[in-house]
C-alpha atoms as a PDB file:
ATOM      1  CA  MET A   1     -17.854  -9.134  -3.896  1.00  0.00           C
ATOM      2  CA  PRO A   2     -15.142 -11.803  -4.209  1.00  0.00           C
ATOM      3  CA  THR A   3     -14.241 -13.907  -1.167  1.00  0.00           C
ATOM      4  CA  SER A   4     -10.516 -13.207  -1.404  1.00  0.00           C
ATOM      5  CA  MET A   5      -7.987 -11.128  -3.289  1.00  0.00           C
ATOM      6  CA  SER A   6      -4.559 -12.067  -4.567  1.00  0.00           C
ATOM      7  CA  ALA A   7      -1.896 -10.719  -2.219  1.00  0.00           C
ATOM      8  CA  ARG A   8       0.261  -9.799  -5.211  1.00  0.00           C
ATOM      9  CA  THR A   9      -2.597  -7.780  -6.704  1.00  0.00           C
ATOM     10  CA  PHE A  10      -3.302  -6.037  -3.406  1.00  0.00           C
ATOM     11  CA  PHE A  11       0.310  -5.035  -2.788  1.00  0.00           C
ATOM     12  CA  GLY A  12       0.708  -4.034  -6.438  1.00  0.00           C
ATOM     13  CA  VAL A  13      -2.196  -1.629  -5.937  1.00  0.00           C
ATOM     14  CA  VAL A  14      -0.680  -0.305  -2.685  1.00  0.00           C
ATOM     15  CA  SER A  15       2.605   0.297  -4.515  1.00  0.00           C
ATOM     16  CA  ALA A  16       0.870   2.050  -7.413  1.00  0.00           C
ATOM     17  CA  LEU A  17      -1.107   4.276  -5.019  1.00  0.00           C
ATOM     18  CA  ALA A  18       2.029   5.226  -3.108  1.00  0.00           C
ATOM     19  CA  ARG A  19       3.984   6.037  -6.276  1.00  0.00           C
ATOM     20  CA  ALA A  20       1.053   8.039  -7.672  1.00  0.00           C
ATOM     21  CA  GLU A  21       0.899  10.031  -4.430  1.00  0.00           C
ATOM     22  CA  ALA A  22       4.632  10.773  -4.677  1.00  0.00           C
ATOM     23  CA  GLU A  23       4.278  11.871  -8.292  1.00  0.00           C
ATOM     24  CA  ALA A  24       1.296  14.066  -7.381  1.00  0.00           C
ATOM     25  CA  HIS A  25       3.808  16.091  -5.395  1.00  0.00           C
ATOM     26  CA  GLY A  26       5.808  16.665  -8.568  1.00  0.00           C
ATOM     27  CA  LYS A  27       8.565  14.194  -7.798  1.00  0.00           C
ATOM     28  CA  SER A  28       9.644  11.151  -9.707  1.00  0.00           C
ATOM     29  CA  ALA A  29       8.629   8.101  -7.735  1.00  0.00           C
ATOM     30  CA  THR A  30      11.547   6.164  -9.180  1.00  0.00           C
ATOM     31  CA  ASN A  31      14.351   8.729  -8.847  1.00  0.00           C
ATOM     32  CA  PHE A  32      13.555  10.293  -5.493  1.00  0.00           C
ATOM     33  CA  SER A  33      16.224  12.588  -4.104  1.00  0.00           C
ATOM     34  CA  GLY A  34      14.524  15.382  -2.240  1.00  0.00           C
ATOM     35  CA  GLY A  35      13.452  16.535   1.158  1.00  0.00           C
ATOM     36  CA  ASP A  36       9.642  16.236   0.974  1.00  0.00           C
ATOM     37  CA  PRO A  37       8.761  13.822   3.810  1.00  0.00           C
ATOM     38  CA  ILE A  38       5.467  12.783   2.187  1.00  0.00           C
ATOM     39  CA  VAL A  39       7.251  11.822  -1.026  1.00  0.00           C
ATOM     40  CA  HIS A  40       9.958  10.015   0.911  1.00  0.00           C
ATOM     41  CA  ARG A  41       7.396   7.994   2.894  1.00  0.00           C
ATOM     42  CA  CYS A  42       5.373   7.185  -0.227  1.00  0.00           C
ATOM     43  CA  VAL A  43       8.436   5.921  -2.060  1.00  0.00           C
ATOM     44  CA  ARG A  44       9.426   3.828   0.963  1.00  0.00           C
ATOM     45  CA  ILE A  45       5.885   2.388   1.194  1.00  0.00           C
ATOM     46  CA  ALA A  46       6.033   1.478  -2.508  1.00  0.00           C
ATOM     47  CA  GLU A  47       9.394  -0.230  -2.037  1.00  0.00           C
ATOM     48  CA  VAL A  48       8.114  -2.276   0.906  1.00  0.00           C
ATOM     49  CA  ALA A  49       4.956  -3.262  -1.011  1.00  0.00           C
ATOM     50  CA  GLU A  50       7.050  -4.317  -4.011  1.00  0.00           C
ATOM     51  CA  SER A  51       9.291  -6.363  -1.724  1.00  0.00           C
ATOM     52  CA  VAL A  52       6.244  -8.193  -0.363  1.00  0.00           C
ATOM     53  CA  VAL A  53       5.009  -8.844  -3.927  1.00  0.00           C
ATOM     54  CA  SER A  54       8.359 -10.349  -4.883  1.00  0.00           C
ATOM     55  CA  ARG A  55       8.303 -12.729  -1.882  1.00  0.00           C
ATOM     56  CA  CYS A  56       4.617 -13.701  -1.856  1.00  0.00           C
ATOM     57  CA  PRO A  57       3.729 -17.032  -3.373  1.00  0.00           C
ATOM     58  CA  SER A  58       1.330 -16.649  -6.273  1.00  0.00           C
ATOM     59  CA  SER A  59      -1.264 -18.555  -4.256  1.00  0.00           C
ATOM     60  CA  ALA A  60      -1.203 -16.116  -1.287  1.00  0.00           C
ATOM     61  CA  MET A  61      -4.638 -14.601  -0.801  1.00  0.00           C
ATOM     62  CA  ILE A  62      -6.110 -11.906   1.431  1.00  0.00           C
ATOM     63  CA  PRO A  63      -9.443 -13.021   2.958  1.00  0.00           C
ATOM     64  CA  GLU A  64     -12.609 -11.068   2.200  1.00  0.00           C
ATOM     65  CA  ALA A  65     -12.958  -9.914   5.811  1.00  0.00           C
ATOM     66  CA  GLU A  66      -9.536  -8.259   5.653  1.00  0.00           C
ATOM     67  CA  PHE A  67     -10.107  -6.191   2.547  1.00  0.00           C
ATOM     68  CA  GLN A  68     -13.682  -5.348   3.559  1.00  0.00           C
ATOM     69  CA  ALA A  69     -12.247  -3.867   6.760  1.00  0.00           C
ATOM     70  CA  PHE A  70      -9.874  -1.748   4.671  1.00  0.00           C
ATOM     71  CA  ALA A  71     -12.717  -0.666   2.389  1.00  0.00           C
ATOM     72  CA  ARG A  72     -14.697   0.489   5.433  1.00  0.00           C
ATOM     73  CA  GLN A  73     -11.656   2.311   6.780  1.00  0.00           C
ATOM     74  CA  ILE A  74     -11.210   4.108   3.462  1.00  0.00           C
ATOM     75  CA  ASN A  75     -14.924   4.925   3.081  1.00  0.00           C
ATOM     76  CA  ASN A  76     -15.115   6.332   6.611  1.00  0.00           C
ATOM     77  CA  SER A  77     -11.951   8.356   6.322  1.00  0.00           C
ATOM     78  CA  ARG A  78     -11.734  12.071   5.736  1.00  0.00           C
ATOM     79  CA  LEU A  79      -7.991  11.523   5.463  1.00  0.00           C
ATOM     80  CA  LEU A  80      -8.306  11.017   1.719  1.00  0.00           C
ATOM     81  CA  PHE A  81      -8.749  14.760   1.212  1.00  0.00           C
ATOM     82  CA  TYR A  82      -5.245  15.503   2.473  1.00  0.00           C
ATOM     83  CA  ALA A  83      -1.933  14.290   1.055  1.00  0.00           C
ATOM     84  CA  GLU A  84      -0.568  13.497   4.509  1.00  0.00           C
ATOM     85  CA  GLY A  85      -3.770  11.607   5.298  1.00  0.00           C
ATOM     86  CA  ARG A  86      -3.668   9.544   2.116  1.00  0.00           C
ATOM     87  CA  THR A  87      -0.072   8.616   2.875  1.00  0.00           C
ATOM     88  CA  LYS A  88      -0.979   7.584   6.431  1.00  0.00           C
ATOM     89  CA  LEU A  89      -3.890   5.508   5.151  1.00  0.00           C
ATOM     90  CA  ILE A  90      -1.745   3.690   2.574  1.00  0.00           C
ATOM     91  CA  GLU A  91       0.886   3.155   5.256  1.00  0.00           C
ATOM     92  CA  ALA A  92      -1.686   1.781   7.725  1.00  0.00           C
ATOM     93  CA  ILE A  93      -3.005  -0.696   5.184  1.00  0.00           C
ATOM     94  CA  LEU A  94       0.501  -1.872   4.425  1.00  0.00           C
ATOM     95  CA  LEU A  95       1.491  -2.187   8.092  1.00  0.00           C
ATOM     96  CA  GLU A  96      -1.632  -4.188   8.965  1.00  0.00           C
ATOM     97  CA  VAL A  97      -1.499  -6.652   6.088  1.00  0.00           C
ATOM     98  CA  ALA A  98       2.171  -6.972   5.148  1.00  0.00           C
ATOM     99  CA  PRO A  99       3.608  -8.680   8.239  1.00  0.00           C
ATOM    100  CA  PRO A 100       1.441 -11.839   8.192  1.00  0.00           C
ATOM    101  CA  LEU A 101       1.682 -12.175   4.405  1.00  0.00           C
ATOM    102  CA  ALA A 102       5.437 -11.601   4.383  1.00  0.00           C
ATOM    103  CA  LYS A 103       5.799 -14.254   7.084  1.00  0.00           C
ATOM    104  CA  ALA A 104       3.647 -16.680   5.080  1.00  0.00           C
ATOM    105  CA  ALA A 105       5.766 -16.041   1.985  1.00  0.00           C
ATOM    106  CA  GLU A 106       9.005 -17.068   3.745  1.00  0.00           C
END
């Protein structure tokens, strides 16, 4: 396993997961205009992740310990079987990692 992961890669993956979850609900992840709260949250998560990607320096890295913790959280989670759970998991990952990386990118 690598010792670190590019922050841009990580947040790009978070964005892609969030948009895929929105589209799994039959909505366009780029032209959202509906009332489904899961889709709305997924699109918002994707937008925040993309904002972090645009501000992160290319050298910003996420340490191995951080993404191993997320891998354990995902592996131990039954949330992945439910759309609401997947959204909460993506959101939790973003909320835990984004603030320090966004601050470092400023």
